[in-house]
């Protein structure tokens, strides 16, 4: 199932909203990260640079075959070999089964621009189950103010809502990250 208002603009426009390498460092993605999972990886905006930063594997999951293919093309162009791409959705047994090979090594799950979904608690519960102890989730989302893109204001989660959902899912807030001009970041860990 595609999440509500999850359509992507043209890649060139999309890329103008982010500073992936800088933001990944701010969001604690680096060589200490073994296995990075990007849920809803889209064009690979964060996935491809993360693959160049992490120690072992970067995994991108997306329901859209065109997005998976675009990530595959980028990885090939950049000679990135530590990337796995999974076409599927998180409620699918096959998708979850694809992650089983990484059980015990997943130490970062990226939930970037996705928690406006219909059931954010289900997505957070999925992340909690997949992460190893002390593993992190990173949340990036559009601020609840006038921005040139992003989901409708009424479904954009405020940081306090995300913190509440994450804490109810078992996570502990590690820190808040300012990602000006249009986004905020939150990092949580699994105790």
C-alpha atoms as a PDB file:
ATOM      1  CA  UNK A   1       0.000   0.000   0.000  1.00  0.00           C
ATOM      2  CA  UNK A   2       1.305   3.432  -0.907  1.00  0.00           C
ATOM      3  CA  UNK A   3       1.063   5.876   1.971  1.00  0.00           C
ATOM      4  CA  UNK A   4      -1.186   8.880   1.588  1.00  0.00           C
ATOM      5  CA  UNK A   5       0.311  11.820  -0.249  1.00  0.00           C
ATOM      6  CA  UNK A   6       3.485   9.881  -0.928  1.00  0.00           C
ATOM      7  CA  UNK A   7       3.828  10.875  -4.584  1.00  0.00           C
ATOM      8  CA  UNK A   8       7.226  12.156  -5.613  1.00  0.00           C
ATOM      9  CA  UNK A   9       7.922  15.292  -7.643  1.00  0.00           C
ATOM     10  CA  UNK A  10      10.528  15.251 -10.388  1.00  0.00           C
ATOM     11  CA  UNK A  11      13.901  14.162  -9.041  1.00  0.00           C
ATOM     12  CA  UNK A  12      15.627  17.430  -9.923  1.00  0.00           C
ATOM     13  CA  UNK A  13      13.125  19.429  -7.831  1.00  0.00           C
ATOM     14  CA  UNK A  14      13.170  16.859  -4.999  1.00  0.00           C
ATOM     15  CA  UNK A  15      16.938  17.132  -4.667  1.00  0.00           C
ATOM     16  CA  UNK A  16      16.757  20.893  -4.074  1.00  0.00           C
ATOM     17  CA  UNK A  17      15.064  20.367  -0.694  1.00  0.00           C
ATOM     18  CA  UNK A  18      17.837  18.373   0.992  1.00  0.00           C
ATOM     19  CA  UNK A  19      21.536  18.285   1.820  1.00  0.00           C
ATOM     20  CA  UNK A  20      21.852  14.495   2.131  1.00  0.00           C
ATOM     21  CA  UNK A  21      25.516  14.092   3.106  1.00  0.00           C
ATOM     22  CA  UNK A  22      25.412  16.913   5.671  1.00  0.00           C
ATOM     23  CA  UNK A  23      22.097  15.765   7.082  1.00  0.00           C
ATOM     24  CA  UNK A  24      23.161  12.130   7.363  1.00  0.00           C
ATOM     25  CA  UNK A  25      26.123  13.205   9.499  1.00  0.00           C
ATOM     26  CA  UNK A  26      23.818  15.314  11.670  1.00  0.00           C
ATOM     27  CA  UNK A  27      21.474  12.316  11.936  1.00  0.00           C
ATOM     28  CA  UNK A  28      24.331  10.074  13.215  1.00  0.00           C
ATOM     29  CA  UNK A  29      24.810   7.950  10.093  1.00  0.00           C
ATOM     30  CA  UNK A  30      28.515   7.193   9.714  1.00  0.00           C
ATOM     31  CA  UNK A  31      31.110   4.376   9.670  1.00  0.00           C
ATOM     32  CA  UNK A  32      29.870   3.167  13.053  1.00  0.00           C
ATOM     33  CA  UNK A  33      26.568   2.252  11.341  1.00  0.00           C
ATOM     34  CA  UNK A  34      26.633  -1.356  10.187  1.00  0.00           C
ATOM     35  CA  UNK A  35      23.278  -1.907   8.488  1.00  0.00           C
ATOM     36  CA  UNK A  36      21.188   1.087   7.425  1.00  0.00           C
ATOM     37  CA  UNK A  37      17.580   0.577   6.266  1.00  0.00           C
ATOM     38  CA  UNK A  38      15.794   3.363   4.368  1.00  0.00           C
ATOM     39  CA  UNK A  39      12.025   2.799   4.440  1.00  0.00           C
ATOM     40  CA  UNK A  40      10.472   4.474   1.405  1.00  0.00           C
ATOM     41  CA  UNK A  41      13.855   5.139  -0.200  1.00  0.00           C
ATOM     42  CA  UNK A  42      12.411   6.916  -3.244  1.00  0.00           C
ATOM     43  CA  UNK A  43      15.111   8.212  -5.592  1.00  0.00           C
ATOM     44  CA  UNK A  44      17.813   7.156  -3.154  1.00  0.00           C
ATOM     45  CA  UNK A  45      18.343  10.739  -2.016  1.00  0.00           C
ATOM     46  CA  UNK A  46      19.586   9.525   1.357  1.00  0.00           C
ATOM     47  CA  UNK A  47      20.128   5.835   0.594  1.00  0.00           C
ATOM     48  CA  UNK A  48      22.928   6.275  -1.942  1.00  0.00           C
ATOM     49  CA  UNK A  49      25.037   8.643   0.232  1.00  0.00           C
ATOM     50  CA  UNK A  50      24.338   6.418   3.265  1.00  0.00           C
ATOM     51  CA  UNK A  51      25.720   3.422   1.364  1.00  0.00           C
ATOM     52  CA  UNK A  52      28.949   5.384   0.975  1.00  0.00           C
ATOM     53  CA  UNK A  53      29.068   6.137   4.706  1.00  0.00           C
ATOM     54  CA  UNK A  54      28.066   2.923   6.481  1.00  0.00           C
ATOM     55  CA  UNK A  55      30.400   0.099   7.415  1.00  0.00           C
ATOM     56  CA  UNK A  56      28.448  -2.801   5.909  1.00  0.00           C
ATOM     57  CA  UNK A  57      25.124  -2.605   4.056  1.00  0.00           C
ATOM     58  CA  UNK A  58      22.529  -0.035   3.069  1.00  0.00           C
ATOM     59  CA  UNK A  59      19.072  -1.421   2.322  1.00  0.00           C
ATOM     60  CA  UNK A  60      16.405   0.511   0.463  1.00  0.00           C
ATOM     61  CA  UNK A  61      12.751  -0.499   0.608  1.00  0.00           C
ATOM     62  CA  UNK A  62      10.139   1.041  -1.675  1.00  0.00           C
ATOM     63  CA  UNK A  63       6.831  -0.075  -3.086  1.00  0.00           C
ATOM     64  CA  UNK A  64       7.470   1.682  -6.408  1.00  0.00           C
ATOM     65  CA  UNK A  65       9.447  -0.392  -8.932  1.00  0.00           C
ATOM     66  CA  UNK A  66      10.589   2.767 -10.747  1.00  0.00           C
ATOM     67  CA  UNK A  67      12.153   4.113  -7.553  1.00  0.00           C
ATOM     68  CA  UNK A  68      13.953   0.816  -6.954  1.00  0.00           C
ATOM     69  CA  UNK A  69      15.260   0.856 -10.514  1.00  0.00           C
ATOM     70  CA  UNK A  70      16.442   4.471 -10.175  1.00  0.00           C
ATOM     71  CA  UNK A  71      18.384   3.552  -7.022  1.00  0.00           C
ATOM     72  CA  UNK A  72      19.890   0.561  -8.824  1.00  0.00           C
ATOM     73  CA  UNK A  73      21.028   2.829 -11.701  1.00  0.00           C
ATOM     74  CA  UNK A  74      22.630   5.329  -9.323  1.00  0.00           C
ATOM     75  CA  UNK A  75      24.427   2.598  -7.407  1.00  0.00           C
ATOM     76  CA  UNK A  76      25.776   1.163 -10.661  1.00  0.00           C
ATOM     77  CA  UNK A  77      26.944   4.582 -11.888  1.00  0.00           C
ATOM     78  CA  UNK A  78      28.800   5.161  -8.602  1.00  0.00           C
ATOM     79  CA  UNK A  79      30.134   1.588  -8.276  1.00  0.00           C
ATOM     80  CA  UNK A  80      28.320   1.053  -4.990  1.00  0.00           C
ATOM     81  CA  UNK A  81      28.208  -2.630  -4.119  1.00  0.00           C
ATOM     82  CA  UNK A  82      27.017  -2.638  -0.500  1.00  0.00           C
ATOM     83  CA  UNK A  83      23.421  -1.872  -1.429  1.00  0.00           C
ATOM     84  CA  UNK A  84      20.380  -4.116  -1.330  1.00  0.00           C
ATOM     85  CA  UNK A  85      17.078  -2.995  -2.812  1.00  0.00           C
ATOM     86  CA  UNK A  86      13.747  -4.496  -1.817  1.00  0.00           C
ATOM     87  CA  UNK A  87      10.579  -3.771  -3.757  1.00  0.00           C
ATOM     88  CA  UNK A  88       7.752  -4.263  -1.351  1.00  0.00           C
ATOM     89  CA  UNK A  89       5.787  -2.973   1.555  1.00  0.00           C
ATOM     90  CA  UNK A  90       6.362  -3.536   5.223  1.00  0.00           C
ATOM     91  CA  UNK A  91       3.194  -5.537   5.773  1.00  0.00           C
ATOM     92  CA  UNK A  92       4.328  -8.082   3.170  1.00  0.00           C
ATOM     93  CA  UNK A  93       5.831 -11.310   4.520  1.00  0.00           C
ATOM     94  CA  UNK A  94       8.309 -11.453   1.612  1.00  0.00           C
ATOM     95  CA  UNK A  95       9.620  -7.961   2.405  1.00  0.00           C
ATOM     96  CA  UNK A  96      10.045  -8.772   6.079  1.00  0.00           C
ATOM     97  CA  UNK A  97      11.644 -12.083   5.131  1.00  0.00           C
ATOM     98  CA  UNK A  98      14.221 -10.222   3.024  1.00  0.00           C
ATOM     99  CA  UNK A  99      15.335  -8.402   6.162  1.00  0.00           C
ATOM    100  CA  UNK A 100      15.732 -11.604   8.192  1.00  0.00           C
ATOM    101  CA  UNK A 101      19.229 -12.137   6.793  1.00  0.00           C
ATOM    102  CA  UNK A 102      20.236  -8.916   8.554  1.00  0.00           C
ATOM    103  CA  UNK A 103      18.598  -9.742  11.882  1.00  0.00           C
ATOM    104  CA  UNK A 104      20.882  -8.676  14.703  1.00  0.00           C
ATOM    105  CA  UNK A 105      22.858  -6.236  12.557  1.00  0.00           C
ATOM    106  CA  UNK A 106      20.263  -3.597  11.695  1.00  0.00           C
ATOM    107  CA  UNK A 107      21.365  -0.645  13.747  1.00  0.00           C
ATOM    108  CA  UNK A 108      19.757   2.270  11.879  1.00  0.00           C
ATOM    109  CA  UNK A 109      16.344   2.673  10.269  1.00  0.00           C
ATOM    110  CA  UNK A 110      15.579   5.856   8.357  1.00  0.00           C
ATOM    111  CA  UNK A 111      11.984   7.042   8.493  1.00  0.00           C
ATOM    112  CA  UNK A 112      12.553  10.131   6.379  1.00  0.00           C
ATOM    113  CA  UNK A 113       9.503  12.080   5.194  1.00  0.00           C
ATOM    114  CA  UNK A 114       7.207   9.120   5.805  1.00  0.00           C
ATOM    115  CA  UNK A 115       5.535   9.431   9.232  1.00  0.00           C
ATOM    116  CA  UNK A 116       2.560  11.273   7.745  1.00  0.00           C
ATOM    117  CA  UNK A 117       1.385   7.758   6.821  1.00  0.00           C
ATOM    118  CA  UNK A 118      -1.974   6.447   7.949  1.00  0.00           C
ATOM    119  CA  UNK A 119      -0.574   4.302  10.789  1.00  0.00           C
ATOM    120  CA  UNK A 120       2.688   5.812  12.080  1.00  0.00           C
ATOM    121  CA  UNK A 121       2.603   3.637  15.213  1.00  0.00           C
ATOM    122  CA  UNK A 122       2.647   0.490  13.040  1.00  0.00           C
ATOM    123  CA  UNK A 123       5.678   1.802  11.169  1.00  0.00           C
ATOM    124  CA  UNK A 124       7.454   2.593  14.442  1.00  0.00           C
ATOM    125  CA  UNK A 125       6.565  -0.844  15.840  1.00  0.00           C
ATOM    126  CA  UNK A 126       8.030  -2.444  12.703  1.00  0.00           C
ATOM    127  CA  UNK A 127      11.229  -0.437  13.183  1.00  0.00           C
ATOM    128  CA  UNK A 128      11.431  -1.450  16.837  1.00  0.00           C
ATOM    129  CA  UNK A 129      11.134  -5.151  15.987  1.00  0.00           C
ATOM    130  CA  UNK A 130      13.830  -4.974  13.301  1.00  0.00           C
ATOM    131  CA  UNK A 131      16.423  -2.986  15.253  1.00  0.00           C
ATOM    132  CA  UNK A 132      19.091  -4.483  17.438  1.00  0.00           C
ATOM    133  CA  UNK A 133      19.398  -3.192  21.015  1.00  0.00           C
ATOM    134  CA  UNK A 134      20.899   0.331  21.021  1.00  0.00           C
ATOM    135  CA  UNK A 135      19.927   0.652  17.356  1.00  0.00           C
ATOM    136  CA  UNK A 136      18.607   4.000  16.168  1.00  0.00           C
ATOM    137  CA  UNK A 137      15.783   5.354  14.125  1.00  0.00           C
ATOM    138  CA  UNK A 138      16.158   8.659  12.398  1.00  0.00           C
ATOM    139  CA  UNK A 139      13.077  10.716  11.624  1.00  0.00           C
ATOM    140  CA  UNK A 140      13.180  13.600   9.195  1.00  0.00           C
ATOM    141  CA  UNK A 141      10.007  15.418   8.308  1.00  0.00           C
ATOM    142  CA  UNK A 142       8.678  18.622   6.829  1.00  0.00           C
ATOM    143  CA  UNK A 143       8.074  21.365   9.381  1.00  0.00           C
ATOM    144  CA  UNK A 144       4.472  22.304   9.981  1.00  0.00           C
ATOM    145  CA  UNK A 145       4.787  25.636   8.208  1.00  0.00           C
ATOM    146  CA  UNK A 146       4.624  26.917   4.676  1.00  0.00           C
ATOM    147  CA  UNK A 147       7.108  24.906   2.601  1.00  0.00           C
ATOM    148  CA  UNK A 148       7.485  24.530  -1.178  1.00  0.00           C
ATOM    149  CA  UNK A 149       6.592  20.829  -0.978  1.00  0.00           C
ATOM    150  CA  UNK A 150       5.430  18.222   1.515  1.00  0.00           C
ATOM    151  CA  UNK A 151       2.171  16.617   2.577  1.00  0.00           C
ATOM    152  CA  UNK A 152      -0.905  18.601   3.593  1.00  0.00           C
ATOM    153  CA  UNK A 153      -0.491  20.547   6.810  1.00  0.00           C
ATOM    154  CA  UNK A 154      -3.212  18.571   8.564  1.00  0.00           C
ATOM    155  CA  UNK A 155      -1.282  15.299   8.236  1.00  0.00           C
ATOM    156  CA  UNK A 156       2.250  16.581   8.899  1.00  0.00           C
ATOM    157  CA  UNK A 157       3.362  15.250  12.254  1.00  0.00           C
ATOM    158  CA  UNK A 158       4.621  17.789  14.772  1.00  0.00           C
ATOM    159  CA  UNK A 159       7.874  16.827  16.534  1.00  0.00           C
ATOM    160  CA  UNK A 160       6.022  16.414  19.841  1.00  0.00           C
ATOM    161  CA  UNK A 161       3.630  13.892  18.220  1.00  0.00           C
ATOM    162  CA  UNK A 162       6.519  11.905  16.741  1.00  0.00           C
ATOM    163  CA  UNK A 163       8.280  11.900  20.126  1.00  0.00           C
ATOM    164  CA  UNK A 164       5.105  10.634  21.800  1.00  0.00           C
ATOM    165  CA  UNK A 165       4.571   7.890  19.202  1.00  0.00           C
ATOM    166  CA  UNK A 166       8.192   6.779  19.377  1.00  0.00           C
ATOM    167  CA  UNK A 167       8.218   6.690  23.169  1.00  0.00           C
ATOM    168  CA  UNK A 168       4.970   4.695  23.234  1.00  0.00           C
ATOM    169  CA  UNK A 169       6.656   2.278  20.792  1.00  0.00           C
ATOM    170  CA  UNK A 170       9.535   1.785  23.252  1.00  0.00           C
ATOM    171  CA  UNK A 171      12.110   4.220  21.862  1.00  0.00           C
ATOM    172  CA  UNK A 172      14.058   6.824  23.833  1.00  0.00           C
ATOM    173  CA  UNK A 173      14.728  10.257  22.363  1.00  0.00           C
ATOM    174  CA  UNK A 174      18.458  10.759  21.828  1.00  0.00           C
ATOM    175  CA  UNK A 175      18.374  14.237  20.317  1.00  0.00           C
ATOM    176  CA  UNK A 176      16.629  16.787  18.136  1.00  0.00           C
ATOM    177  CA  UNK A 177      18.323  18.002  14.959  1.00  0.00           C
ATOM    178  CA  UNK A 178      17.623  21.249  13.109  1.00  0.00           C
ATOM    179  CA  UNK A 179      17.526  20.716   9.360  1.00  0.00           C
ATOM    180  CA  UNK A 180      16.702  24.162   8.064  1.00  0.00           C
ATOM    181  CA  UNK A 181      15.006  25.564   6.194  1.00  0.00           C
ATOM    182  CA  UNK A 182      12.098  23.128   5.752  1.00  0.00           C
ATOM    183  CA  UNK A 183      12.727  20.079   7.951  1.00  0.00           C
ATOM    184  CA  UNK A 184      13.353  18.855  11.463  1.00  0.00           C
ATOM    185  CA  UNK A 185      15.135  15.710  12.583  1.00  0.00           C
ATOM    186  CA  UNK A 186      14.771  13.415  15.581  1.00  0.00           C
ATOM    187  CA  UNK A 187      17.017  10.546  16.595  1.00  0.00           C
ATOM    188  CA  UNK A 188      15.744   7.781  18.884  1.00  0.00           C
ATOM    189  CA  UNK A 189      17.347   4.599  20.149  1.00  0.00           C
ATOM    190  CA  UNK A 190      16.046   1.214  21.220  1.00  0.00           C
ATOM    191  CA  UNK A 191      17.025   0.506  24.857  1.00  0.00           C
END
